[in-house]
Amino acid sequence: MPTQFAAELRRGISDAQRSAKIAVDAGHPYEAYLHRARLAELLEMAGRHEFETNGLVEPAVLAALAEDEAALDQ
């Protein structure tokens, strides 16, 4: 049985991913970036707590996160 923390983390990841996709579809790239930034924070938190996230985030969204990170590294 998942803990309350795990359930909230899973919900937050799902919500951030869905919001980022909606923003992209609406033509709002900065808003999409902000949602992906929140998603990245949640994924980092999941990693710190050894929470399995495989399969929670779609490959296209993971690719966008990688692009965001690469752009910030420049």
Protein backbone atom coordinates (compact mmCIF):
# COMPACT_ATOMS: atom_id res chain seq x y z
CA MET A 1 0.00 0.00 0.00
CA PRO A 2 1.50 3.36 -1.00
CA THR A 3 2.15 5.94 1.66
CA GLN A 4 0.43 9.33 1.68
CA PHE A 5 3.75 10.88 0.60
CA ALA A 6 4.09 8.52 -2.35
CA ALA A 7 0.50 9.11 -3.41
CA GLU A 8 0.93 12.90 -3.28
CA LEU A 9 4.23 12.70 -5.14
CA ARG A 10 2.66 10.57 -7.87
CA ARG A 11 -0.28 13.02 -8.10
CA GLY A 12 2.06 16.01 -8.31
CA ILE A 13 4.11 14.39 -11.07
CA SER A 14 0.96 13.56 -13.02
CA ASP A 15 -0.49 17.06 -12.57
CA ALA A 16 2.74 18.82 -13.58
CA GLN A 17 3.12 16.65 -16.66
CA ARG A 18 -0.51 17.18 -17.70
CA SER A 19 -0.25 20.95 -17.15
CA ALA A 20 2.95 21.17 -19.20
CA LYS A 21 1.32 19.32 -22.09
CA ILE A 22 -1.76 21.55 -21.96
CA ALA A 23 0.42 24.66 -22.00
CA VAL A 24 2.36 23.39 -25.02
CA ASP A 25 -0.85 22.58 -26.86
CA ALA A 26 -2.17 26.08 -26.06
CA GLY A 27 0.99 27.70 -27.46
CA HIS A 28 2.35 28.91 -24.11
CA PRO A 29 6.00 27.80 -24.05
CA TYR A 30 7.01 29.73 -20.92
CA GLU A 31 4.08 28.34 -18.94
CA ALA A 32 5.00 24.85 -20.17
CA TYR A 33 8.58 25.46 -19.02
CA LEU A 34 7.37 26.44 -15.53
CA HIS A 35 5.34 23.24 -15.25
CA ARG A 36 8.32 21.18 -16.45
CA ALA A 37 10.50 22.92 -13.86
CA ARG A 38 8.06 21.81 -11.16
CA LEU A 39 8.06 18.32 -12.65
CA ALA A 40 11.86 18.26 -12.52
CA GLU A 41 11.77 19.26 -8.84
CA LEU A 42 9.30 16.48 -8.07
CA LEU A 43 11.37 13.90 -9.95
CA GLU A 44 14.47 15.01 -8.05
CA MET A 45 12.56 14.67 -4.77
CA ALA A 46 11.38 11.22 -5.81
CA GLY A 47 14.97 10.21 -6.44
CA ARG A 48 16.06 11.44 -3.00
CA HIS A 49 13.37 9.28 -1.42
CA GLU A 50 14.03 6.27 -3.67
CA PHE A 51 10.53 6.52 -5.17
CA GLU A 52 10.26 4.67 -8.48
CA THR A 53 9.20 6.99 -11.31
CA ASN A 54 9.75 4.73 -14.33
CA GLY A 55 6.71 4.91 -16.55
CA LEU A 56 5.19 7.93 -14.81
CA VAL A 57 6.52 10.51 -17.28
CA GLU A 58 6.01 10.23 -21.01
CA PRO A 59 9.14 10.04 -23.19
CA ALA A 60 8.30 13.31 -24.98
CA VAL A 61 8.07 15.14 -21.66
CA LEU A 62 11.34 13.59 -20.48
CA ALA A 63 12.95 14.80 -23.72
CA ALA A 64 11.64 18.32 -23.10
CA LEU A 65 13.07 18.20 -19.57
CA ALA A 66 16.46 17.19 -20.99
CA GLU A 67 16.30 20.08 -23.47
CA ASP A 68 15.46 22.50 -20.65
CA GLU A 69 18.42 21.25 -18.62
CA ALA A 70 20.79 21.49 -21.61
CA ALA A 71 19.67 25.06 -22.32
CA LEU A 72 20.33 26.06 -18.72
CA ASP A 73 23.81 24.49 -18.82
CA GLN A 74 24.89 26.75 -21.68
